[in-house]
Protein backbone atom coordinates (compact mmCIF):
# COMPACT_ATOMS: atom_id res chain seq x y z
CA MET A 1 21.56 -29.45 26.18
CA LYS A 2 22.05 -30.35 22.53
CA LYS A 3 18.32 -31.08 22.07
CA SER A 4 17.26 -27.78 23.65
CA LEU A 5 19.71 -25.87 21.44
CA LEU A 6 18.31 -27.59 18.34
CA LEU A 7 14.74 -26.85 19.49
CA LEU A 8 15.62 -23.19 20.07
CA LEU A 9 17.24 -22.97 16.63
CA ALA A 10 14.19 -24.61 15.00
CA VAL A 11 11.82 -22.16 16.73
CA ALA A 12 13.96 -19.20 15.61
CA VAL A 13 13.92 -20.42 11.99
CA ILE A 14 10.15 -20.96 12.06
CA CYS A 15 9.54 -17.53 13.59
CA SER A 16 11.77 -15.78 11.07
CA ALA A 17 9.97 -17.56 8.21
CA CYS A 18 6.64 -16.20 9.49
CA SER A 19 7.78 -12.60 9.87
CA ALA A 20 6.64 -10.10 7.28
CA PRO A 21 9.18 -8.30 5.10
CA ARG A 22 10.25 -4.91 6.43
CA ILE A 23 10.67 -1.78 4.31
CA GLU A 24 14.38 -1.80 5.20
CA ASP A 25 14.74 -5.12 3.36
CA TYR A 26 14.31 -3.25 0.05
CA ALA A 27 16.64 -0.30 0.68
CA ASP A 28 19.19 -1.41 -1.93
CA ASN A 29 16.67 -2.31 -4.65
CA THR A 30 16.35 -0.32 -7.85
CA PRO A 31 14.84 1.49 -9.58
CA ARG A 32 14.60 3.77 -6.57
CA PHE A 33 11.09 5.02 -5.74
CA VAL A 34 10.91 8.78 -5.11
CA ALA A 35 7.37 9.87 -4.22
CA GLU A 36 7.82 13.43 -5.48
CA ASP A 37 8.89 12.09 -8.89
CA PHE A 38 6.58 9.12 -9.42
CA PHE A 39 3.47 10.73 -7.90
CA SER A 40 3.67 13.81 -10.16
CA GLY A 41 1.44 14.32 -13.16
CA PRO A 42 -1.10 11.97 -14.70
CA MET A 43 -1.11 8.22 -14.05
CA LYS A 44 -3.46 5.37 -14.83
CA ALA A 45 -4.11 2.38 -12.60
CA TYR A 46 -5.56 -1.01 -13.47
CA GLY A 47 -6.70 -3.36 -10.76
CA LEU A 48 -8.94 -6.00 -9.36
CA VAL A 49 -10.54 -6.81 -6.03
CA LYS A 50 -10.61 -10.37 -4.70
CA ASP A 51 -12.69 -11.82 -1.89
CA ARG A 52 -11.13 -13.85 0.92
CA GLY A 53 -11.38 -17.00 -1.22
CA GLY A 54 -9.30 -15.42 -4.01
CA ASN A 55 -12.24 -14.93 -6.39
CA VAL A 56 -12.17 -11.74 -8.47
CA THR A 57 -15.25 -9.75 -7.47
CA ARG A 58 -14.58 -6.40 -9.17
CA ARG A 59 -12.24 -4.80 -11.68
CA PHE A 60 -11.40 -1.12 -11.98
CA VAL A 61 -9.48 1.52 -13.86
CA ALA A 62 -8.36 4.65 -12.02
CA GLU A 63 -7.18 8.01 -13.22
CA ILE A 64 -4.67 9.54 -10.83
CA ASP A 65 -3.17 13.00 -10.90
CA GLY A 66 -0.35 13.92 -8.54
CA SER A 67 1.03 17.33 -7.68
CA TRP A 68 3.45 18.78 -5.12
CA GLU A 69 3.54 22.26 -3.65
CA ASN A 70 5.84 23.45 -0.87
CA GLY A 71 6.94 19.84 -0.27
CA ARG A 72 3.36 18.56 0.21
CA GLY A 73 1.79 16.09 -2.19
CA LEU A 74 -1.77 15.67 -3.41
CA LEU A 75 -2.94 12.54 -5.25
CA ARG A 76 -6.37 12.90 -6.84
CA GLU A 77 -7.82 9.47 -7.64
CA LYS A 78 -10.95 8.59 -9.64
CA PHE A 79 -11.86 4.89 -9.67
CA LYS A 80 -14.30 3.47 -12.24
CA PHE A 81 -15.46 -0.04 -11.38
CA ASP A 82 -16.79 -2.62 -13.84
CA ASP A 83 -20.21 -2.53 -12.10
CA GLY A 84 -20.62 1.19 -12.90
CA GLU A 85 -19.63 2.61 -9.49
CA THR A 86 -17.26 5.59 -9.39
CA GLN A 87 -15.21 6.42 -6.28
CA TYR A 88 -13.00 9.41 -5.55
CA ARG A 89 -10.12 9.68 -3.09
CA ASN A 90 -7.67 12.53 -2.50
CA TRP A 91 -4.51 11.60 -0.63
CA GLN A 92 -2.52 14.30 1.17
CA LEU A 93 1.17 13.41 1.57
CA VAL A 94 3.38 15.35 3.97
CA PRO A 95 7.07 14.41 4.50
CA VAL A 96 7.99 13.60 8.11
CA ASP A 97 11.31 12.89 9.81
CA SER A 98 12.66 9.47 8.92
CA ASP A 99 14.39 6.96 11.22
CA ALA A 100 17.16 6.11 8.79
CA GLN A 101 18.82 7.75 5.82
CA ALA A 102 17.56 5.13 3.35
CA ILE A 103 13.92 5.37 4.51
CA ARG A 104 11.62 8.27 3.64
CA LYS A 105 8.33 8.73 5.48
CA TYR A 106 5.19 10.70 4.71
CA ALA A 107 2.06 11.35 6.76
CA ALA A 108 -0.77 10.18 4.49
CA SER A 109 -4.44 11.05 4.89
CA ALA A 110 -7.63 10.95 2.84
CA GLY A 111 -11.31 11.70 3.43
CA ASP A 112 -12.36 8.04 3.72
CA VAL A 113 -9.31 6.98 5.75
CA VAL A 114 -9.52 6.88 9.55
CA GLY A 115 -6.81 9.11 11.03
CA THR A 116 -3.39 9.58 9.47
CA SER A 117 -1.18 6.75 8.32
CA VAL A 118 2.52 6.64 7.52
CA MET A 119 3.74 5.89 4.01
CA SER A 120 7.32 4.57 4.14
CA THR A 121 9.64 4.23 1.14
CA ALA A 122 13.01 2.53 0.74
CA GLY A 123 14.73 1.45 -2.46
CA ASN A 124 11.97 0.40 -4.86
CA ALA A 125 9.36 -0.29 -2.15
CA VAL A 126 6.47 1.68 -0.67
CA PHE A 127 4.60 0.35 2.40
CA MET A 128 1.52 1.83 4.02
CA GLN A 129 -1.11 0.60 6.48
CA TYR A 130 -4.39 2.37 7.11
CA THR A 131 -8.06 1.90 7.94
CA LEU A 132 -10.40 2.56 5.02
CA GLN A 133 -14.10 3.33 5.48
CA VAL A 134 -15.93 1.15 2.95
CA PRO A 135 -19.66 1.52 2.20
CA TYR A 136 -21.37 -1.88 2.48
CA LYS A 137 -25.11 -2.65 2.39
CA GLY A 138 -26.17 0.77 3.65
CA ARG A 139 -23.54 1.08 6.37
CA THR A 140 -19.83 1.77 6.62
CA LEU A 141 -17.21 -0.84 7.49
CA ASN A 142 -13.72 -0.02 8.72
CA ILE A 143 -11.33 -2.26 6.78
CA HIS A 144 -7.61 -2.48 7.59
CA VAL A 145 -5.46 -2.15 4.47
CA ASP A 146 -1.83 -3.28 4.27
CA ASP A 147 -0.40 -1.82 1.03
CA ARG A 148 2.88 -3.12 -0.41
CA MET A 149 3.97 -1.37 -3.62
CA PHE A 150 7.07 -1.97 -5.74
CA LEU A 151 8.53 0.13 -8.54
CA ILE A 152 9.53 -2.42 -11.16
CA ALA A 153 10.37 0.05 -13.95
CA PRO A 154 10.69 3.85 -13.86
CA ASN A 155 7.03 4.25 -14.93
CA VAL A 156 5.41 1.11 -13.45
CA LEU A 157 4.39 0.54 -9.82
CA ILE A 158 2.80 -2.77 -8.82
CA ALA A 159 0.75 -2.92 -5.62
CA GLU A 160 -0.84 -5.64 -3.55
CA SER A 161 -3.12 -4.77 -0.68
CA LYS A 162 -4.27 -7.20 1.98
CA LEU A 163 -7.68 -6.35 3.44
CA SER A 164 -8.70 -7.46 6.93
CA LYS A 165 -11.38 -6.92 9.55
CA TRP A 166 -10.80 -7.82 13.23
CA GLY A 167 -7.55 -9.53 12.17
CA PHE A 168 -9.25 -11.83 9.65
CA ASP A 169 -8.45 -11.65 5.93
CA VAL A 170 -11.46 -10.41 3.96
CA GLY A 171 -9.87 -9.86 0.56
CA GLU A 172 -7.11 -8.27 -1.45
CA ILE A 173 -6.52 -5.73 -4.17
CA GLN A 174 -3.97 -6.09 -6.96
CA LEU A 175 -3.11 -2.95 -8.84
CA THR A 176 -0.66 -1.66 -11.44
CA ILE A 177 -0.01 2.08 -11.80
CA VAL A 178 1.46 3.30 -15.07
CA LYS A 179 2.89 6.81 -15.31
């Protein structure tokens, strides 16, 4: 009996160590992220793309302009990569009912995103998962993106995005947005 209890406890500890952080885990953190405040006006983003081995493959600077009208947000993004490529993305953000008082949710969509995703915020954290259509060698790949963003100062948001295809890691993006 004692051995089985210890084994059960060990399995529970191992499983909890493997679980990903939840947005609720950040509800008490400050500074508090408010989408309508941070994603308003001009912003600049600096980032890099890494392959699955952790090698930096591209760097970029993005100009972002956010606006809100009738409770709906629009983020206009222009990415300039170090290899000369320019990409544009316009995110539409629409508030939706939230499960808990401390969590705010937004339906998030963009032209190169498959379907609509949910952007969740709590405390200083912003989490979002979506499928991005990425041009690659004359075709389009659907890449799953798991965004985790953290407001570390009133005007600085740091993001890390894990990229995967069929459940396998294919790369990551690290990004800092300055308001």
